[in-house]
Amino acid sequence: MATQTTEVDQKQQARTLEQEAARTQGGIVAEFTDFLLHNKKWWLTPIILVLMLVGLLVVLGGTGAAPFIYTLF
């Protein structure tokens, strides 16, 4: 009897793994949001936003928009 239940459990686990593997994966934003929701790390949000803003300024600093960005500072 014990072997039958373990075989059933193994088959159920195999089906669950197949279903999880067949799901489409979200992007990095969805994964980060999921991380924030489950781990309650909301203090990371402003840090990430500021880093993204600085990165955007660095990228725009090398383009034709640089003279307009420099006048902001």
PDB file of N, CA and C in Angstrom:
ATOM      1  N   MET A   1       0.820  -1.193   0.000  1.00  0.00           N
ATOM      2  CA  MET A   1       0.000   0.000   0.000  1.00  0.00           C
ATOM      3  C   MET A   1       0.865   1.259   0.000  1.00  0.00           C
ATOM      4  N   ALA A   2       1.968   1.225   0.720  1.00  0.00           N
ATOM      5  CA  ALA A   2       2.837   2.399   0.805  1.00  0.00           C
ATOM      6  C   ALA A   2       3.466   2.721  -0.545  1.00  0.00           C
ATOM      7  N   THR A   3       3.782   1.697  -1.330  1.00  0.00           N
ATOM      8  CA  THR A   3       4.388   1.958  -2.635  1.00  0.00           C
ATOM      9  C   THR A   3       3.381   2.575  -3.596  1.00  0.00           C
ATOM     10  N   GLN A   4       2.109   2.230  -3.452  1.00  0.00           N
ATOM     11  CA  GLN A   4       1.093   2.809  -4.325  1.00  0.00           C
ATOM     12  C   GLN A   4       0.932   4.304  -4.039  1.00  0.00           C
ATOM     13  N   THR A   5       0.940   4.672  -2.783  1.00  0.00           N
ATOM     14  CA  THR A   5       0.793   6.089  -2.464  1.00  0.00           C
ATOM     15  C   THR A   5       2.009   6.879  -2.906  1.00  0.00           C
ATOM     16  N   THR A   6       3.199   6.312  -2.790  1.00  0.00           N
ATOM     17  CA  THR A   6       4.381   7.047  -3.234  1.00  0.00           C
ATOM     18  C   THR A   6       4.377   7.185  -4.753  1.00  0.00           C
ATOM     19  N   GLU A   7       3.896   6.156  -5.472  1.00  0.00           N
ATOM     20  CA  GLU A   7       3.813   6.248  -6.927  1.00  0.00           C
ATOM     21  C   GLU A   7       2.800   7.311  -7.335  1.00  0.00           C
ATOM     22  N   VAL A   8       1.689   7.377  -6.630  1.00  0.00           N
ATOM     23  CA  VAL A   8       0.676   8.393  -6.920  1.00  0.00           C
ATOM     24  C   VAL A   8       1.241   9.774  -6.625  1.00  0.00           C
ATOM     25  N   ASP A   9       1.949   9.911  -5.499  1.00  0.00           N
ATOM     26  CA  ASP A   9       2.562  11.191  -5.150  1.00  0.00           C
ATOM     27  C   ASP A   9       3.589  11.609  -6.195  1.00  0.00           C
ATOM     28  N   GLN A  10       4.380  10.658  -6.675  1.00  0.00           N
ATOM     29  CA  GLN A  10       5.389  10.963  -7.676  1.00  0.00           C
ATOM     30  C   GLN A  10       4.748  11.395  -8.989  1.00  0.00           C
ATOM     31  N   LYS A  11       3.669  10.736  -9.362  1.00  0.00           N
ATOM     32  CA  LYS A  11       2.973  11.107 -10.594  1.00  0.00           C
ATOM     33  C   LYS A  11       2.357  12.499 -10.456  1.00  0.00           C
ATOM     34  N   GLN A  12       1.799  12.786  -9.287  1.00  0.00           N
ATOM     35  CA  GLN A  12       1.216  14.107  -9.052  1.00  0.00           C
ATOM     36  C   GLN A  12       2.301  15.181  -9.096  1.00  0.00           C
ATOM     37  N   GLN A  13       3.436  14.901  -8.493  1.00  0.00           N
ATOM     38  CA  GLN A  13       4.541  15.854  -8.516  1.00  0.00           C
ATOM     39  C   GLN A  13       5.049  16.063  -9.939  1.00  0.00           C
ATOM     40  N   ALA A  14       5.117  14.987 -10.715  1.00  0.00           N
ATOM     41  CA  ALA A  14       5.570  15.092 -12.101  1.00  0.00           C
ATOM     42  C   ALA A  14       4.605  15.951 -12.911  1.00  0.00           C
ATOM     43  N   ARG A  15       3.298  15.763 -12.704  1.00  0.00           N
ATOM     44  CA  ARG A  15       2.312  16.579 -13.400  1.00  0.00           C
ATOM     45  C   ARG A  15       2.424  18.047 -12.995  1.00  0.00           C
ATOM     46  N   THR A  16       2.639  18.287 -11.717  1.00  0.00           N
ATOM     47  CA  THR A  16       2.775  19.661 -11.234  1.00  0.00           C
ATOM     48  C   THR A  16       4.008  20.325 -11.843  1.00  0.00           C
ATOM     49  N   LEU A  17       5.107  19.599 -11.903  1.00  0.00           N
ATOM     50  CA  LEU A  17       6.322  20.147 -12.500  1.00  0.00           C
ATOM     51  C   LEU A  17       6.137  20.436 -13.986  1.00  0.00           C
ATOM     52  N   GLU A  18       5.428  19.553 -14.694  1.00  0.00           N
ATOM     53  CA  GLU A  18       5.168  19.766 -16.113  1.00  0.00           C
ATOM     54  C   GLU A  18       4.302  21.000 -16.325  1.00  0.00           C
ATOM     55  N   GLN A  19       3.315  21.189 -15.460  1.00  0.00           N
ATOM     56  CA  GLN A  19       2.456  22.367 -15.574  1.00  0.00           C
ATOM     57  C   GLN A  19       3.254  23.647 -15.314  1.00  0.00           C
ATOM     58  N   GLU A  20       4.120  23.613 -14.320  1.00  0.00           N
ATOM     59  CA  GLU A  20       4.943  24.785 -14.022  1.00  0.00           C
ATOM     60  C   GLU A  20       5.909  25.091 -15.166  1.00  0.00           C
ATOM     61  N   ALA A  21       6.451  24.047 -15.777  1.00  0.00           N
ATOM     62  CA  ALA A  21       7.392  24.244 -16.882  1.00  0.00           C
ATOM     63  C   ALA A  21       6.682  24.781 -18.121  1.00  0.00           C
ATOM     64  N   ALA A  22       5.421  24.441 -18.288  1.00  0.00           N
ATOM     65  CA  ALA A  22       4.676  24.880 -19.460  1.00  0.00           C
ATOM     66  C   ALA A  22       4.198  26.325 -19.351  1.00  0.00           C
ATOM     67  N   ARG A  23       4.176  26.873 -18.137  1.00  0.00           N
ATOM     68  CA  ARG A  23       3.732  28.255 -17.960  1.00  0.00           C
ATOM     69  C   ARG A  23       4.696  29.214 -18.633  1.00  0.00           C
ATOM     70  N   THR A  24       4.157  30.304 -19.138  1.00  0.00           N
ATOM     71  CA  THR A  24       5.031  31.315 -19.722  1.00  0.00           C
ATOM     72  C   THR A  24       5.678  32.111 -18.597  1.00  0.00           C
ATOM     73  N   GLN A  25       6.905  32.480 -18.828  1.00  0.00           N
ATOM     74  CA  GLN A  25       7.643  33.219 -17.813  1.00  0.00           C
ATOM     75  C   GLN A  25       7.417  34.716 -18.012  1.00  0.00           C
ATOM     76  N   GLY A  26       7.291  35.421 -16.905  1.00  0.00           N
ATOM     77  CA  GLY A  26       7.157  36.862 -16.972  1.00  0.00           C
ATOM     78  C   GLY A  26       8.514  37.509 -17.156  1.00  0.00           C
ATOM     79  N   GLY A  27       8.505  38.788 -17.348  1.00  0.00           N
ATOM     80  CA  GLY A  27       9.752  39.516 -17.519  1.00  0.00           C
ATOM     81  C   GLY A  27      10.407  39.819 -16.186  1.00  0.00           C
ATOM     82  N   ILE A  28      11.483  40.565 -16.257  1.00  0.00           N
ATOM     83  CA  ILE A  28      12.226  40.885 -15.046  1.00  0.00           C
ATOM     84  C   ILE A  28      11.429  41.831 -14.154  1.00  0.00           C
ATOM     85  N   VAL A  29      10.605  42.687 -14.758  1.00  0.00           N
ATOM     86  CA  VAL A  29       9.790  43.604 -13.960  1.00  0.00           C
ATOM     87  C   VAL A  29       8.752  42.822 -13.162  1.00  0.00           C
ATOM     88  N   ALA A  30       8.114  41.841 -13.806  1.00  0.00           N
ATOM     89  CA  ALA A  30       7.123  41.016 -13.103  1.00  0.00           C
ATOM     90  C   ALA A  30       7.781  40.202 -11.996  1.00  0.00           C
ATOM     91  N   GLU A  31       8.968  39.693 -12.264  1.00  0.00           N
ATOM     92  CA  GLU A  31       9.679  38.915 -11.252  1.00  0.00           C
ATOM     93  C   GLU A  31      10.096  39.790 -10.068  1.00  0.00           C
ATOM     94  N   PHE A  32      10.544  41.009 -10.356  1.00  0.00           N
ATOM     95  CA  PHE A  32      10.934  41.925  -9.286  1.00  0.00           C
ATOM     96  C   PHE A  32       9.724  42.347  -8.463  1.00  0.00           C
ATOM     97  N   THR A  33       8.600  42.602  -9.125  1.00  0.00           N
ATOM     98  CA  THR A  33       7.377  42.958  -8.412  1.00  0.00           C
ATOM     99  C   THR A  33       6.915  41.805  -7.536  1.00  0.00           C
ATOM    100  N   ASP A  34       6.999  40.599  -8.057  1.00  0.00           N
ATOM    101  CA  ASP A  34       6.634  39.424  -7.273  1.00  0.00           C
ATOM    102  C   ASP A  34       7.543  39.285  -6.050  1.00  0.00           C
ATOM    103  N   PHE A  35       8.823  39.551  -6.241  1.00  0.00           N
ATOM    104  CA  PHE A  35       9.770  39.513  -5.120  1.00  0.00           C
ATOM    105  C   PHE A  35       9.399  40.539  -4.052  1.00  0.00           C
ATOM    106  N   LEU A  36       9.065  41.754  -4.497  1.00  0.00           N
ATOM    107  CA  LEU A  36       8.691  42.801  -3.549  1.00  0.00           C
ATOM    108  C   LEU A  36       7.430  42.442  -2.784  1.00  0.00           C
ATOM    109  N   LEU A  37       6.460  41.863  -3.477  1.00  0.00           N
ATOM    110  CA  LEU A  37       5.201  41.500  -2.828  1.00  0.00           C
ATOM    111  C   LEU A  37       5.381  40.400  -1.793  1.00  0.00           C
ATOM    112  N   HIS A  38       6.121  39.372  -2.150  1.00  0.00           N
ATOM    113  CA  HIS A  38       6.240  38.215  -1.261  1.00  0.00           C
ATOM    114  C   HIS A  38       7.213  38.432  -0.109  1.00  0.00           C
ATOM    115  N   ASN A  39       8.239  39.234  -0.341  1.00  0.00           N
ATOM    116  CA  ASN A  39       9.249  39.439   0.704  1.00  0.00           C
ATOM    117  C   ASN A  39       9.104  40.773   1.431  1.00  0.00           C
ATOM    118  N   LYS A  40       8.132  41.570   0.997  1.00  0.00           N
ATOM    119  CA  LYS A  40       7.838  42.861   1.628  1.00  0.00           C
ATOM    120  C   LYS A  40       9.091  43.739   1.726  1.00  0.00           C
ATOM    121  N   LYS A  41       9.764  43.864   0.609  1.00  0.00           N
ATOM    122  CA  LYS A  41      10.981  44.678   0.527  1.00  0.00           C
ATOM    123  C   LYS A  41      10.684  45.982  -0.216  1.00  0.00           C
ATOM    124  N   TRP A  42       9.640  46.685   0.195  1.00  0.00           N
ATOM    125  CA  TRP A  42       9.236  47.897  -0.514  1.00  0.00           C
ATOM    126  C   TRP A  42      10.273  48.999  -0.422  1.00  0.00           C
ATOM    127  N   TRP A  43      11.183  48.930   0.541  1.00  0.00           N
ATOM    128  CA  TRP A  43      12.218  49.950   0.661  1.00  0.00           C
ATOM    129  C   TRP A  43      13.188  49.896  -0.515  1.00  0.00           C
ATOM    130  N   LEU A  44      13.192  48.811  -1.281  1.00  0.00           N
ATOM    131  CA  LEU A  44      14.068  48.708  -2.448  1.00  0.00           C
ATOM    132  C   LEU A  44      13.546  49.517  -3.631  1.00  0.00           C
ATOM    133  N   THR A  45      12.258  49.801  -3.663  1.00  0.00           N
ATOM    134  CA  THR A  45      11.654  50.470  -4.812  1.00  0.00           C
ATOM    135  C   THR A  45      12.280  51.838  -5.091  1.00  0.00           C
ATOM    136  N   PRO A  46      12.401  52.739  -4.112  1.00  0.00           N
ATOM    137  CA  PRO A  46      13.013  54.036  -4.437  1.00  0.00           C
ATOM    138  C   PRO A  46      14.477  53.919  -4.863  1.00  0.00           C
ATOM    139  N   ILE A  47      15.187  52.969  -4.319  1.00  0.00           N
ATOM    140  CA  ILE A  47      16.590  52.783  -4.701  1.00  0.00           C
ATOM    141  C   ILE A  47      16.682  52.385  -6.173  1.00  0.00           C
ATOM    142  N   ILE A  48      15.865  51.444  -6.576  1.00  0.00           N
ATOM    143  CA  ILE A  48      15.862  50.977  -7.970  1.00  0.00           C
ATOM    144  C   ILE A  48      15.431  52.112  -8.905  1.00  0.00           C
ATOM    145  N   LEU A  49      14.418  52.867  -8.516  1.00  0.00           N
ATOM    146  CA  LEU A  49      13.955  53.972  -9.359  1.00  0.00           C
ATOM    147  C   LEU A  49      15.034  55.042  -9.539  1.00  0.00           C
ATOM    148  N   VAL A  50      15.742  55.376  -8.475  1.00  0.00           N
ATOM    149  CA  VAL A  50      16.813  56.376  -8.575  1.00  0.00           C
ATOM    150  C   VAL A  50      17.946  55.846  -9.454  1.00  0.00           C
ATOM    151  N   LEU A  51      18.296  54.593  -9.306  1.00  0.00           N
ATOM    152  CA  LEU A  51      19.340  54.013 -10.162  1.00  0.00           C
ATOM    153  C   LEU A  51      18.929  54.027 -11.629  1.00  0.00           C
ATOM    154  N   MET A  52      17.662  53.743 -11.896  1.00  0.00           N
ATOM    155  CA  MET A  52      17.177  53.781 -13.281  1.00  0.00           C
ATOM    156  C   MET A  52      17.212  55.209 -13.829  1.00  0.00           C
ATOM    157  N   LEU A  53      16.865  56.192 -13.002  1.00  0.00           N
ATOM    158  CA  LEU A  53      16.901  57.590 -13.432  1.00  0.00           C
ATOM    159  C   LEU A  53      18.328  58.032 -13.734  1.00  0.00           C
ATOM    160  N   VAL A  54      19.265  57.669 -12.882  1.00  0.00           N
ATOM    161  CA  VAL A  54      20.674  58.011 -13.117  1.00  0.00           C
ATOM    162  C   VAL A  54      21.174  57.333 -14.398  1.00  0.00           C
ATOM    163  N   GLY A  55      20.798  56.090 -14.597  1.00  0.00           N
ATOM    164  CA  GLY A  55      21.178  55.392 -15.826  1.00  0.00           C
ATOM    165  C   GLY A  55      20.610  56.065 -17.065  1.00  0.00           C
ATOM    166  N   LEU A  56      19.371  56.524 -16.966  1.00  0.00           N
ATOM    167  CA  LEU A  56      18.757  57.243 -18.087  1.00  0.00           C
ATOM    168  C   LEU A  56      19.502  58.541 -18.370  1.00  0.00           C
ATOM    169  N   LEU A  57      19.889  59.258 -17.328  1.00  0.00           N
ATOM    170  CA  LEU A  57      20.650  60.494 -17.523  1.00  0.00           C
ATOM    171  C   LEU A  57      22.011  60.223 -18.155  1.00  0.00           C
ATOM    172  N   VAL A  58      22.650  59.131 -17.771  1.00  0.00           N
ATOM    173  CA  VAL A  58      23.948  58.780 -18.368  1.00  0.00           C
ATOM    174  C   VAL A  58      23.780  58.468 -19.850  1.00  0.00           C
ATOM    175  N   VAL A  59      22.742  57.729 -20.184  1.00  0.00           N
ATOM    176  CA  VAL A  59      22.503  57.379 -21.588  1.00  0.00           C
ATOM    177  C   VAL A  59      22.176  58.633 -22.395  1.00  0.00           C
ATOM    178  N   LEU A  60      21.309  59.476 -21.865  1.00  0.00           N
ATOM    179  CA  LEU A  60      20.947  60.694 -22.583  1.00  0.00           C
ATOM    180  C   LEU A  60      22.094  61.694 -22.639  1.00  0.00           C
ATOM    181  N   GLY A  61      23.047  61.602 -21.698  1.00  0.00           N
ATOM    182  CA  GLY A  61      24.196  62.499 -21.705  1.00  0.00           C
ATOM    183  C   GLY A  61      25.107  62.294 -22.901  1.00  0.00           C
ATOM    184  N   GLY A  62      25.042  61.146 -23.511  1.00  0.00           N
ATOM    185  CA  GLY A  62      25.867  60.857 -24.678  1.00  0.00           C
ATOM    186  C   GLY A  62      25.145  61.100 -25.987  1.00  0.00           C
ATOM    187  N   THR A  63      23.949  61.640 -25.950  1.00  0.00           N
ATOM    188  CA  THR A  63      23.173  61.877 -27.172  1.00  0.00           C
ATOM    189  C   THR A  63      23.065  63.371 -27.438  1.00  0.00           C
ATOM    190  N   GLY A  64      22.246  63.719 -28.386  1.00  0.00           N
ATOM    191  CA  GLY A  64      22.029  65.128 -28.730  1.00  0.00           C
ATOM    192  C   GLY A  64      21.260  65.882 -27.663  1.00  0.00           C
ATOM    193  N   ALA A  65      20.699  65.178 -26.690  1.00  0.00           N
ATOM    194  CA  ALA A  65      19.942  65.830 -25.616  1.00  0.00           C
ATOM    195  C   ALA A  65      20.848  66.318 -24.493  1.00  0.00           C
ATOM    196  N   ALA A  66      22.138  66.080 -24.603  1.00  0.00           N
ATOM    197  CA  ALA A  66      23.073  66.438 -23.528  1.00  0.00           C
ATOM    198  C   ALA A  66      23.049  67.923 -23.176  1.00  0.00           C
ATOM    199  N   PRO A  67      23.034  68.842 -24.143  1.00  0.00           N
ATOM    200  CA  PRO A  67      23.009  70.262 -23.752  1.00  0.00           C
ATOM    201  C   PRO A  67      21.768  70.633 -22.931  1.00  0.00           C
ATOM    202  N   PHE A  68      20.673  69.984 -23.190  1.00  0.00           N
ATOM    203  CA  PHE A  68      19.453  70.277 -22.431  1.00  0.00           C
ATOM    204  C   PHE A  68      19.510  69.691 -21.021  1.00  0.00           C
ATOM    205  N   ILE A  69      20.170  68.556 -20.871  1.00  0.00           N
ATOM    206  CA  ILE A  69      20.294  67.940 -19.555  1.00  0.00           C
ATOM    207  C   ILE A  69      21.252  68.738 -18.685  1.00  0.00           C
ATOM    208  N   TYR A  70      22.342  69.247 -19.283  1.00  0.00           N
ATOM    209  CA  TYR A  70      23.323  70.002 -18.505  1.00  0.00           C
ATOM    210  C   TYR A  70      22.734  71.283 -17.943  1.00  0.00           C
ATOM    211  N   THR A  71      21.742  71.871 -18.634  1.00  0.00           N
ATOM    212  CA  THR A  71      21.146  73.093 -18.118  1.00  0.00           C
ATOM    213  C   THR A  71      20.285  72.833 -16.882  1.00  0.00           C
ATOM    214  N   LEU A  72      19.889  71.596 -16.651  1.00  0.00           N
ATOM    215  CA  LEU A  72      19.111  71.275 -15.449  1.00  0.00           C
ATOM    216  C   LEU A  72      19.971  71.365 -14.191  1.00  0.00           C
ATOM    217  N   PHE A  73      21.268  71.160 -14.341  1.00  0.00           N
ATOM    218  CA  PHE A  73      22.142  71.161 -13.180  1.00  0.00           C
ATOM    219  C   PHE A  73      22.950  72.427 -13.158  1.00  0.00           C
TER     220      PHE A  73
END
